[in-house]
Amino acid sequence: MKVILMQPNFSLLGRRSWKLIPYGLCLLKACCRDEFDVTVYDPNFDNESEKEIKKRLLKSKPDVVGITSFSTEYIEEIYYHARFIKETLPNVKIILGGALPTVWVEKVITCTDIDYFVMGEGEIVLKELLRGISACDEKHIASIKGIAFRSHNHNIINERPGFIDNLDALPFPDYSDLDFMKYGNFKHKFAHTLLARQIPYALTITSRGCPMQCTFCAASTVSGKKVRLRSAENVLTEIAYLRNLYGIREVIFLDDHFLFNRQRALDIMHGISERYPDMTWKCVNVAVFSLDNQILEAMLESGCNQITLSIESGDNDVLKRLIKKPVNLKKAKQIADMAKAMGIEVISNFVIGTPGETWEQIRNTFKYAEDLNIDMVNFHIATPLPKTELMKICIAHGLLKSEEDVAGYTLGNITTSEFTGIELQILRAFEWDRINFSLPEKSRIIAKIEGVSESEVNEWRKQTRGHLGNTHETTKKEKK
């Protein structure tokens, strides 16, 4: 049976897309290639048109097309692709996996162009589903945990399977269908966590799950509260594989909690230092409460050039009572100072507009972010995502009617007695500009962090102020 695993072109409807190698799809191919003819296809990187995608599918004539999804933000793009794929190949079976069916299957199952939905980790589930489709065995399909589908006008949503405990047993992703160097040499703009300082670079995930209970985060729904770890040796073996095959010079870890197991993290860092002293690396998210002088020194010695701290709030009450994140603000400042003194770039993320937060507490966050005096700070407006505690709170208090009321990540769609959405957007945009560019030399620093020129940074500032940090949605409205 011929299977195409496809990363949609997320920019077809005008949104910004991320030029990332489809790591998850390549891992799924590695898991299924022994039984099926599996090809990974990515029209997203080269911004292929609908016509080009249709042409490729007609030429390949797959029996199954598997589509991946990143977040609720791109739900319309998923529906759009499913519709024209079904129009092009009416007999093809379409499977949707990834974040969307995992956190919001009740919503996406209404899309009649999609035949099956994979919830949770797909490495085992997808293979079982493909076996059922290949054998036309509906009874077998109906028995698979982690599968949802429609049958005789009824929605069948099976229970989720357990999470995969032994991550070392999984193969490394199979990139053979893609031009790896095209991705590895791509230099991202305005995406500091994804901008490699050395190319070619690679992405990997060394753990799954997050034990934190942050009210706004869907990580525990997607990958569980129990942290499951690949061994340090398994991670180092993958790095060796990528270096030997593609000559990578940097690796970016996409883990939710890379430092969860201190000794394992140190073993990975020491292994990189000893085996690949010319390599650099970073992690897209670092838990500030896991950092200390020993860890920072090991990070620096092993080639880490940047850390992004998710401090979230500059107000202790908001952290403890509303966000539920165990951050000590005094220690976080000490860690940031320590890392800066070592020459590591320091960036931090903050969230404003959590229900129950006062205007003064929001102002406390900006004051704290300013006093941190780090290389760059980012501010996000609290966005309720399906199945999160934040969403449940918003619905319970009448701030949102249902899970359908999900806005973009720079939009303020919660109004309380303390603030309105537009107030948050204005404050966020102008405080971001004021704090990040308080000194003339900050433009040069941030240009380096974001992989752009100083003139591009200045234009970025203008657009952020003019569109309140929401250039994408404004562009869409203007087009209409």
Protein backbone atom coordinates (compact mmCIF):
# COMPACT_ATOMS: atom_id res chain seq x y z
CA MET A 1 0.00 0.00 0.00
CA LYS A 2 1.29 3.41 -1.01
CA VAL A 3 1.36 6.01 1.75
CA ILE A 4 2.30 9.69 1.59
CA LEU A 5 2.98 11.42 4.90
CA MET A 6 2.56 15.10 4.22
CA GLN A 7 3.36 18.34 5.95
CA PRO A 8 0.80 20.85 4.63
CA ASN A 9 1.82 24.17 3.17
CA PHE A 10 0.72 26.23 6.16
CA SER A 11 1.09 29.48 4.21
CA LEU A 12 -1.50 28.66 1.51
CA LEU A 13 -4.09 30.84 3.23
CA GLY A 14 -1.67 33.65 3.99
CA ARG A 15 -0.23 32.68 7.34
CA ARG A 16 3.43 32.67 8.21
CA SER A 17 4.85 29.16 8.07
CA TRP A 18 7.84 27.68 9.84
CA LYS A 19 10.46 26.14 7.54
CA LEU A 20 11.15 23.10 9.69
CA ILE A 21 12.05 19.62 8.59
CA PRO A 22 9.03 17.35 9.34
CA TYR A 23 10.79 15.49 12.14
CA GLY A 24 7.66 13.64 13.30
CA LEU A 25 6.70 12.43 9.83
CA CYS A 26 10.23 11.18 9.19
CA LEU A 27 10.05 9.26 12.47
CA LEU A 28 6.71 7.75 11.45
CA LYS A 29 8.20 6.67 8.12
CA ALA A 30 11.02 4.93 9.96
CA CYS A 31 8.43 3.06 12.04
CA CYS A 32 6.25 1.99 9.09
CA ARG A 33 8.65 1.51 6.15
CA ASP A 34 9.13 -2.23 6.78
CA GLU A 35 5.48 -2.96 5.87
CA PHE A 36 4.39 -0.09 3.63
CA ASP A 37 5.64 2.04 0.76
CA VAL A 38 5.96 5.30 2.70
CA THR A 39 7.05 8.66 1.29
CA VAL A 40 7.45 11.90 3.25
CA TYR A 41 6.33 14.95 1.28
CA ASP A 42 6.77 18.56 2.40
CA PRO A 43 5.23 21.27 0.20
CA ASN A 44 5.58 23.73 3.07
CA PHE A 45 9.30 24.47 2.75
CA ASP A 46 9.17 25.61 -0.89
CA ASN A 47 5.72 27.18 -0.53
CA GLU A 48 4.20 24.93 -3.20
CA SER A 49 0.87 26.03 -4.64
CA GLU A 50 -2.33 24.03 -4.50
CA LYS A 51 -1.81 23.22 -8.17
CA GLU A 52 1.71 21.89 -7.52
CA ILE A 53 0.53 19.77 -4.60
CA LYS A 54 -2.29 18.28 -6.68
CA LYS A 55 0.14 17.50 -9.49
CA ARG A 56 2.47 15.68 -7.11
CA LEU A 57 -0.35 13.64 -5.60
CA LEU A 58 -1.80 12.72 -9.00
CA LYS A 59 1.63 11.55 -10.11
CA SER A 60 2.19 9.48 -6.95
CA LYS A 61 -1.35 8.04 -6.75
CA PRO A 62 -1.18 7.16 -3.03
CA ASP A 63 -3.71 4.95 -1.32
CA VAL A 64 -3.35 6.92 1.91
CA VAL A 65 -2.35 10.51 2.67
CA GLY A 66 -1.39 11.25 6.25
CA ILE A 67 -1.43 14.94 7.22
CA THR A 68 0.29 16.33 10.28
CA SER A 69 -0.89 19.30 12.34
CA PHE A 70 0.95 21.64 14.71
CA SER A 71 -1.65 23.65 16.58
CA THR A 72 -5.21 24.95 16.63
CA GLU A 73 -3.91 28.11 14.95
CA TYR A 74 -3.70 26.27 11.61
CA ILE A 75 -7.04 24.44 11.67
CA GLU A 76 -8.40 26.16 8.55
CA GLU A 77 -5.27 25.22 6.62
CA ILE A 78 -5.79 21.57 7.56
CA TYR A 79 -9.42 21.64 6.39
CA TYR A 80 -8.39 23.37 3.16
CA HIS A 81 -5.77 20.72 2.32
CA ALA A 82 -8.08 17.83 3.17
CA ARG A 83 -10.77 19.26 0.90
CA PHE A 84 -8.65 19.66 -2.22
CA ILE A 85 -6.82 16.36 -1.66
CA LYS A 86 -10.17 14.55 -1.53
CA GLU A 87 -11.34 16.41 -4.64
CA THR A 88 -8.14 15.39 -6.44
CA LEU A 89 -8.11 11.76 -5.27
CA PRO A 90 -11.68 10.83 -4.26
CA ASN A 91 -10.75 7.27 -3.24
CA VAL A 92 -7.74 8.17 -1.13
CA LYS A 93 -7.95 7.64 2.63
CA ILE A 94 -6.92 10.76 4.55
CA ILE A 95 -5.50 10.48 8.07
CA LEU A 96 -4.94 13.47 10.35
CA GLY A 97 -2.41 13.23 13.16
CA GLY A 98 -0.45 15.59 15.37
CA ALA A 99 -1.63 18.18 17.87
CA LEU A 100 -5.09 18.94 16.45
CA PRO A 101 -6.78 15.54 16.85
CA THR A 102 -4.86 14.96 20.08
CA VAL A 103 -6.25 18.02 21.86
CA TRP A 104 -9.45 18.72 19.89
CA VAL A 105 -10.71 15.58 18.19
CA GLU A 106 -14.34 16.56 18.89
CA LYS A 107 -13.85 19.54 16.61
CA VAL A 108 -11.83 18.09 13.74
CA ILE A 109 -13.88 14.91 13.45
CA THR A 110 -16.60 17.08 11.92
CA CYS A 111 -14.40 17.50 8.82
CA THR A 112 -15.91 14.91 6.48
CA ASP A 113 -12.96 15.06 4.08
CA ILE A 114 -10.78 13.33 6.67
CA ASP A 115 -11.35 9.59 7.16
CA TYR A 116 -9.31 8.79 10.28
CA PHE A 117 -7.79 10.70 13.18
CA VAL A 118 -4.78 9.60 15.21
CA MET A 119 -4.71 10.85 18.80
CA GLY A 120 -1.53 10.91 20.82
CA GLU A 121 1.77 9.33 19.83
CA GLY A 122 1.43 7.82 16.38
CA GLU A 123 4.48 5.57 16.08
CA ILE A 124 2.54 2.42 16.97
CA VAL A 125 -1.03 3.58 16.31
CA LEU A 126 -0.42 4.63 12.68
CA LYS A 127 1.10 1.29 11.74
CA GLU A 128 -1.90 -0.58 13.15
CA LEU A 129 -4.27 1.75 11.33
CA LEU A 130 -2.45 1.24 8.03
CA ARG A 131 -2.69 -2.51 8.51
CA GLY A 132 -6.44 -2.20 8.98
CA ILE A 133 -6.85 0.03 5.92
CA SER A 134 -4.69 -2.29 3.81
CA ALA A 135 -6.80 -5.29 4.80
CA CYS A 136 -10.09 -3.34 4.55
CA ASP A 137 -10.69 -4.60 8.08
CA GLU A 138 -13.10 -2.15 9.71
CA LYS A 139 -13.44 -4.38 12.75
CA HIS A 140 -9.71 -4.19 13.39
CA ILE A 141 -9.67 -0.43 12.85
CA ALA A 142 -12.52 0.02 15.32
CA SER A 143 -10.49 -1.82 17.97
CA ILE A 144 -7.37 0.38 17.75
CA LYS A 145 -6.76 2.67 20.70
CA GLY A 146 -5.97 6.24 19.68
CA ILE A 147 -8.18 6.20 16.58
CA ALA A 148 -11.25 8.29 15.81
CA PHE A 149 -13.49 8.08 12.74
CA ARG A 150 -17.08 8.29 11.57
CA SER A 151 -19.21 5.23 11.03
CA HIS A 152 -22.81 5.33 9.79
CA ASN A 153 -23.14 9.01 10.73
CA HIS A 154 -21.82 8.36 14.23
CA ASN A 155 -18.54 9.57 15.68
CA ILE A 156 -16.33 6.81 17.05
CA ILE A 157 -13.65 8.15 19.39
CA ASN A 158 -11.62 5.36 20.95
CA GLU A 159 -9.72 5.80 24.18
CA ARG A 160 -6.19 7.09 24.01
CA PRO A 161 -3.37 4.53 24.05
CA GLY A 162 -0.72 4.59 26.73
CA PHE A 163 2.37 6.65 26.09
CA ILE A 164 5.53 4.99 24.76
CA ASP A 165 7.84 4.42 27.72
CA ASN A 166 10.95 3.07 25.99
CA LEU A 167 11.88 5.89 23.62
CA ASP A 168 15.26 4.27 22.94
CA ALA A 169 13.37 1.50 21.13
CA LEU A 170 12.19 3.93 18.45
CA PRO A 171 14.27 4.29 15.28
CA PHE A 172 15.87 7.56 14.26
CA PRO A 173 13.86 9.61 11.74
CA ASP A 174 14.25 8.60 8.09
CA TYR A 175 15.05 11.73 6.05
CA SER A 176 15.73 9.87 2.78
CA ASP A 177 12.81 11.43 0.88
CA LEU A 178 13.94 14.98 1.64
CA ASP A 179 16.89 17.17 0.79
CA PHE A 180 18.16 17.34 4.35
CA MET A 181 20.77 19.96 3.52
CA LYS A 182 18.06 22.32 2.28
CA TYR A 183 16.60 22.37 5.77
CA GLY A 184 19.93 22.14 7.56
CA ASN A 185 21.31 25.21 5.81
CA PHE A 186 18.18 27.32 6.10
CA LYS A 187 18.62 30.45 8.22
CA HIS A 188 15.43 31.42 10.01
CA LYS A 189 14.49 35.05 10.44
CA PHE A 190 12.62 36.42 13.45
CA ALA A 191 12.66 33.01 15.11
CA HIS A 192 15.51 33.07 17.60
CA THR A 193 14.89 29.60 19.03
CA LEU A 194 15.15 28.06 15.55
CA LEU A 195 18.05 30.12 14.21
CA ALA A 196 21.20 28.00 14.16
CA ARG A 197 24.52 29.76 14.58
CA GLN A 198 26.30 27.00 12.68
CA ILE A 199 25.00 25.19 9.63
CA PRO A 200 24.04 22.60 8.71
CA TYR A 201 21.93 22.01 11.80
CA ALA A 202 19.40 19.39 12.88
CA LEU A 203 16.38 19.17 15.17
CA THR A 204 15.72 16.40 17.64
CA ILE A 205 13.57 15.57 20.65
CA THR A 206 15.25 13.73 23.52
CA SER A 207 12.32 13.47 25.93
CA ARG A 208 8.54 13.58 26.00
CA GLY A 209 6.14 14.82 28.62
CA CYS A 210 6.10 17.66 31.13
CA PRO A 211 5.23 17.42 34.84
CA MET A 212 4.42 21.10 35.19
CA GLN A 213 0.81 22.19 35.59
CA CYS A 214 0.91 25.57 33.81
CA THR A 215 -2.71 26.56 33.28
CA PHE A 216 -2.21 27.83 29.71
CA CYS A 217 -0.17 24.90 28.36
CA ALA A 218 -1.40 21.84 26.44
CA ALA A 219 1.92 19.94 26.68
CA SER A 220 0.65 17.42 29.23
CA THR A 221 -2.37 16.65 27.02
CA VAL A 222 -0.16 16.09 24.00
CA SER A 223 2.70 14.16 25.56
CA GLY A 224 1.66 13.36 29.12
CA LYS A 225 2.62 14.51 32.62
CA LYS A 226 5.18 11.76 33.08
CA VAL A 227 8.53 12.67 31.55
CA ARG A 228 9.94 9.86 29.41
CA LEU A 229 13.60 10.09 28.51
CA ARG A 230 15.84 8.82 25.79
CA SER A 231 19.14 7.73 27.29
CA ALA A 232 22.13 10.02 26.93
CA GLU A 233 23.92 7.41 24.82
CA ASN A 234 20.95 7.10 22.48
CA VAL A 235 20.93 10.89 21.99
CA LEU A 236 24.68 10.98 21.37
CA THR A 237 24.36 8.11 18.89
CA GLU A 238 21.76 10.09 16.94
CA ILE A 239 24.07 13.11 16.89
CA ALA A 240 26.86 10.86 15.56
CA TYR A 241 24.47 9.52 12.90
CA LEU A 242 23.52 13.04 11.81
CA ARG A 243 27.14 14.21 11.76
CA ASN A 244 28.31 11.24 9.73
CA LEU A 245 25.46 11.43 7.23
CA TYR A 246 24.92 15.17 6.93
CA GLY A 247 27.87 16.84 8.65
CA ILE A 248 25.71 18.77 11.11
CA ARG A 249 27.45 21.41 13.22
CA GLU A 250 24.57 22.36 15.52
CA VAL A 251 21.61 20.61 17.09
CA ILE A 252 18.45 22.24 18.43
CA PHE A 253 16.58 20.28 21.11
CA LEU A 254 12.79 20.66 20.96
CA ASP A 255 12.11 19.11 24.37
CA ASP A 256 9.55 20.56 26.76
CA HIS A 257 11.87 19.80 29.68
CA PHE A 258 15.39 18.94 28.50
CA LEU A 259 16.86 19.35 32.01
CA PHE A 260 14.28 17.19 33.81
CA ASN A 261 16.90 14.56 34.69
CA ARG A 262 20.00 16.45 35.77
CA GLN A 263 22.51 13.62 35.35
CA ARG A 264 21.21 12.63 31.93
CA ALA A 265 21.45 16.25 30.75
CA LEU A 266 25.02 16.49 32.08
CA ASP A 267 25.91 13.20 30.37
CA ILE A 268 24.62 14.52 27.04
CA MET A 269 26.54 17.77 27.47
CA HIS A 270 29.75 16.04 28.52
CA GLY A 271 29.39 13.65 25.58
CA ILE A 272 29.06 16.56 23.15
CA SER A 273 32.10 18.28 24.72
CA GLU A 274 34.28 15.18 24.46
CA ARG A 275 33.18 13.86 21.08
CA TYR A 276 32.23 17.00 19.16
CA PRO A 277 34.08 20.00 20.60
CA ASP A 278 33.29 22.07 17.50
CA MET A 279 29.51 21.65 17.85
CA THR A 280 27.00 24.17 19.14
CA TRP A 281 23.50 23.52 20.47
CA LYS A 282 20.52 25.02 22.24
CA CYS A 283 17.14 24.03 23.62
CA VAL A 284 14.00 25.93 22.69
CA ASN A 285 12.78 26.02 26.29
CA VAL A 286 14.80 25.84 29.51
CA ALA A 287 13.22 25.49 32.96
CA VAL A 288 14.83 28.24 35.01
CA PHE A 289 14.36 26.27 38.24
CA SER A 290 16.61 23.50 36.82
CA LEU A 291 19.55 25.83 36.26
CA ASP A 292 22.50 26.51 38.51
CA ASN A 293 26.17 27.33 38.10
CA GLN A 294 27.23 23.73 37.37
CA ILE A 295 24.59 23.24 34.68
CA LEU A 296 25.32 26.60 33.07
CA GLU A 297 29.05 25.89 32.97
CA ALA A 298 28.41 22.48 31.39
CA MET A 299 26.10 24.12 28.85
CA LEU A 300 28.72 26.73 27.96
CA GLU A 301 31.54 24.17 27.73
CA SER A 302 29.49 21.91 25.44
CA GLY A 303 28.65 24.69 22.99
CA CYS A 304 25.32 26.11 24.18
CA ASN A 305 25.18 29.71 22.99
CA GLN A 306 21.65 30.76 23.98
CA ILE A 307 19.00 29.99 26.59
CA THR A 308 15.33 30.93 26.52
CA LEU A 309 13.82 31.10 30.00
CA SER A 310 10.07 30.78 30.37
CA ILE A 311 9.63 32.84 33.54
CA GLU A 312 6.03 33.71 32.52
CA SER A 313 5.26 36.43 35.09
CA GLY A 314 7.04 39.00 37.18
CA ASP A 315 4.46 38.72 39.96
CA ASN A 316 4.73 35.98 42.58
CA ASP A 317 0.99 35.74 43.18
CA VAL A 318 0.26 35.29 39.47
CA LEU A 319 2.93 32.60 39.19
CA LYS A 320 1.73 30.64 42.19
CA ARG A 321 -2.03 31.09 42.08
CA LEU A 322 -2.95 31.72 38.43
CA ILE A 323 -0.24 30.23 36.21
CA LYS A 324 0.87 27.53 38.67
CA LYS A 325 4.54 27.55 37.70
CA PRO A 326 7.25 27.00 40.36
CA VAL A 327 9.48 29.95 39.47
CA ASN A 328 11.45 31.83 42.12
CA LEU A 329 11.80 35.33 40.70
CA LYS A 330 14.84 36.20 42.77
CA LYS A 331 16.65 33.04 41.68
CA ALA A 332 15.60 33.57 38.07
CA LYS A 333 17.29 36.99 38.13
CA GLN A 334 20.44 35.42 39.59
CA ILE A 335 20.46 32.72 36.90
CA ALA A 336 20.00 35.29 34.14
CA ASP A 337 22.87 37.38 35.53
CA MET A 338 25.08 34.32 35.80
CA ALA A 339 24.39 33.19 32.23
CA LYS A 340 24.97 36.68 30.85
CA ALA A 341 28.29 36.95 32.69
CA MET A 342 29.35 33.69 31.02
CA GLY A 343 28.58 35.10 27.59
CA ILE A 344 25.44 33.05 26.95
CA GLU A 345 22.61 34.94 25.24
CA VAL A 346 19.60 35.15 27.53
CA ILE A 347 16.00 35.54 26.34
CA SER A 348 12.86 35.22 28.41
CA ASN A 349 9.15 34.65 27.75
CA PHE A 350 6.30 36.20 29.70
CA VAL A 351 2.52 35.81 29.58
CA ILE A 352 0.06 38.60 30.40
CA GLY A 353 -3.73 38.64 30.65
CA THR A 354 -4.45 35.52 32.69
CA PRO A 355 -7.97 35.70 34.17
CA GLY A 356 -7.69 36.92 37.75
CA GLU A 357 -4.59 38.99 37.03
CA THR A 358 -4.84 42.64 37.96
CA TRP A 359 -3.61 45.55 35.89
CA GLU A 360 -0.96 46.24 38.53
CA GLN A 361 0.25 42.65 38.37
CA ILE A 362 0.58 42.94 34.60
CA ARG A 363 2.63 46.10 35.12
CA ASN A 364 4.77 44.17 37.63
CA THR A 365 5.67 41.72 34.88
CA PHE A 366 6.92 44.48 32.60
CA LYS A 367 8.89 46.04 35.47
CA TYR A 368 10.50 42.70 36.30
CA ALA A 369 11.30 42.02 32.63
CA GLU A 370 12.94 45.43 32.38
CA ASP A 371 14.98 44.88 35.55
CA LEU A 372 16.22 41.52 34.27
CA ASN A 373 18.32 43.48 31.78
CA ILE A 374 18.81 40.53 29.44
CA ASP A 375 19.32 40.34 25.69
CA MET A 376 15.64 40.09 24.75
CA VAL A 377 12.20 39.62 26.30
CA ASN A 378 9.03 38.33 24.65
CA PHE A 379 5.49 38.98 25.85
CA HIS A 380 2.53 36.79 24.95
CA ILE A 381 -1.15 37.33 25.61
CA ALA A 382 -2.75 34.42 27.48
CA THR A 383 -4.41 32.28 24.82
CA PRO A 384 -6.85 29.60 26.03
CA LEU A 385 -6.21 26.36 24.14
CA PRO A 386 -8.55 23.36 24.07
CA LYS A 387 -8.28 20.99 27.04
CA THR A 388 -6.18 23.39 29.10
CA GLU A 389 -7.08 24.59 32.57
CA LEU A 390 -7.08 28.14 31.22
CA MET A 391 -9.80 27.24 28.73
CA LYS A 392 -11.90 25.61 31.44
CA ILE A 393 -11.53 28.68 33.68
CA CYS A 394 -12.54 31.04 30.85
CA ILE A 395 -15.66 29.03 30.05
CA ALA A 396 -16.61 28.56 33.72
CA HIS A 397 -16.40 32.31 34.37
CA GLY A 398 -18.24 33.29 31.19
CA LEU A 399 -15.18 34.87 29.56
CA LEU A 400 -15.58 32.56 26.56
CA LYS A 401 -18.65 30.69 25.38
CA SER A 402 -16.89 27.53 24.25
CA GLU A 403 -13.62 26.08 22.96
CA GLU A 404 -14.55 27.52 19.57
CA ASP A 405 -13.57 31.00 20.81
CA VAL A 406 -9.86 30.56 20.22
CA ALA A 407 -7.99 33.54 18.79
CA GLY A 408 -4.53 33.94 17.33
CA TYR A 409 -1.55 34.01 19.64
CA THR A 410 -1.13 37.79 19.54
CA LEU A 411 -4.83 38.60 19.97
CA GLY A 412 -6.44 39.51 23.26
CA ASN A 413 -9.74 37.64 23.30
CA ILE A 414 -10.32 37.70 27.06
CA THR A 415 -11.94 40.72 28.71
CA THR A 416 -12.18 40.91 32.49
CA SER A 417 -13.01 43.65 34.99
CA GLU A 418 -9.29 44.51 35.00
CA PHE A 419 -8.50 44.73 31.28
CA THR A 420 -9.81 44.41 27.75
CA GLY A 421 -8.22 42.51 24.91
CA ILE A 422 -7.27 45.63 23.00
CA GLU A 423 -5.62 47.12 26.10
CA LEU A 424 -3.44 44.02 26.36
CA GLN A 425 -2.49 44.23 22.68
CA ILE A 426 -1.51 47.89 22.94
CA LEU A 427 0.43 47.42 26.17
CA ARG A 428 2.21 44.32 24.90
CA ALA A 429 3.35 45.93 21.64
CA PHE A 430 4.63 49.17 23.11
CA GLU A 431 6.26 47.71 26.23
CA TRP A 432 8.00 45.08 24.07
CA ASP A 433 9.44 47.92 22.02
CA ARG A 434 10.35 50.12 25.00
CA ILE A 435 12.12 47.42 27.03
CA ASN A 436 13.91 45.64 24.20
CA PHE A 437 15.22 48.80 22.58
CA SER A 438 15.99 50.94 25.61
CA LEU A 439 19.58 51.44 24.41
CA PRO A 440 20.91 52.06 20.87
CA GLU A 441 23.10 48.95 20.91
CA LYS A 442 20.08 46.70 21.60
CA SER A 443 19.11 46.83 17.91
CA ARG A 444 22.44 45.26 16.98
CA ILE A 445 22.10 42.56 19.66
CA ILE A 446 18.54 41.65 18.71
CA ALA A 447 19.39 41.67 15.00
CA LYS A 448 21.98 38.97 15.70
CA ILE A 449 19.56 36.97 17.86
CA GLU A 450 16.83 37.10 15.20
CA GLY A 451 19.10 36.55 12.19
CA VAL A 452 18.29 39.84 10.45
CA SER A 453 19.84 43.22 9.70
CA GLU A 454 19.39 46.26 11.93
CA SER A 455 17.22 47.89 9.26
CA GLU A 456 14.95 44.82 9.32
CA VAL A 457 14.76 45.08 13.10
CA ASN A 458 13.67 48.72 12.83
CA GLU A 459 10.98 47.80 10.30
CA TRP A 460 9.86 44.99 12.59
CA ARG A 461 9.47 47.50 15.41
CA LYS A 462 7.33 49.76 13.23
CA GLN A 463 5.08 46.90 12.16
CA THR A 464 4.73 45.65 15.74
CA ARG A 465 3.66 49.08 16.96
CA GLY A 466 1.44 49.78 13.94
CA HIS A 467 -0.38 46.44 13.97
CA LEU A 468 -0.10 45.79 17.72
CA GLY A 469 2.03 42.73 17.09
CA ASN A 470 -0.63 41.18 14.88
CA THR A 471 0.65 41.72 11.36
CA HIS A 472 -0.70 38.41 10.06
CA GLU A 473 -4.35 38.91 11.00
CA THR A 474 -4.26 42.52 9.81
CA THR A 475 -2.87 41.43 6.46
CA LYS A 476 -5.63 38.86 6.08
CA LYS A 477 -8.34 41.46 6.79
CA GLU A 478 -6.77 43.90 4.34
CA LYS A 479 -6.74 41.20 1.64
CA LYS A 480 -10.43 40.56 2.17
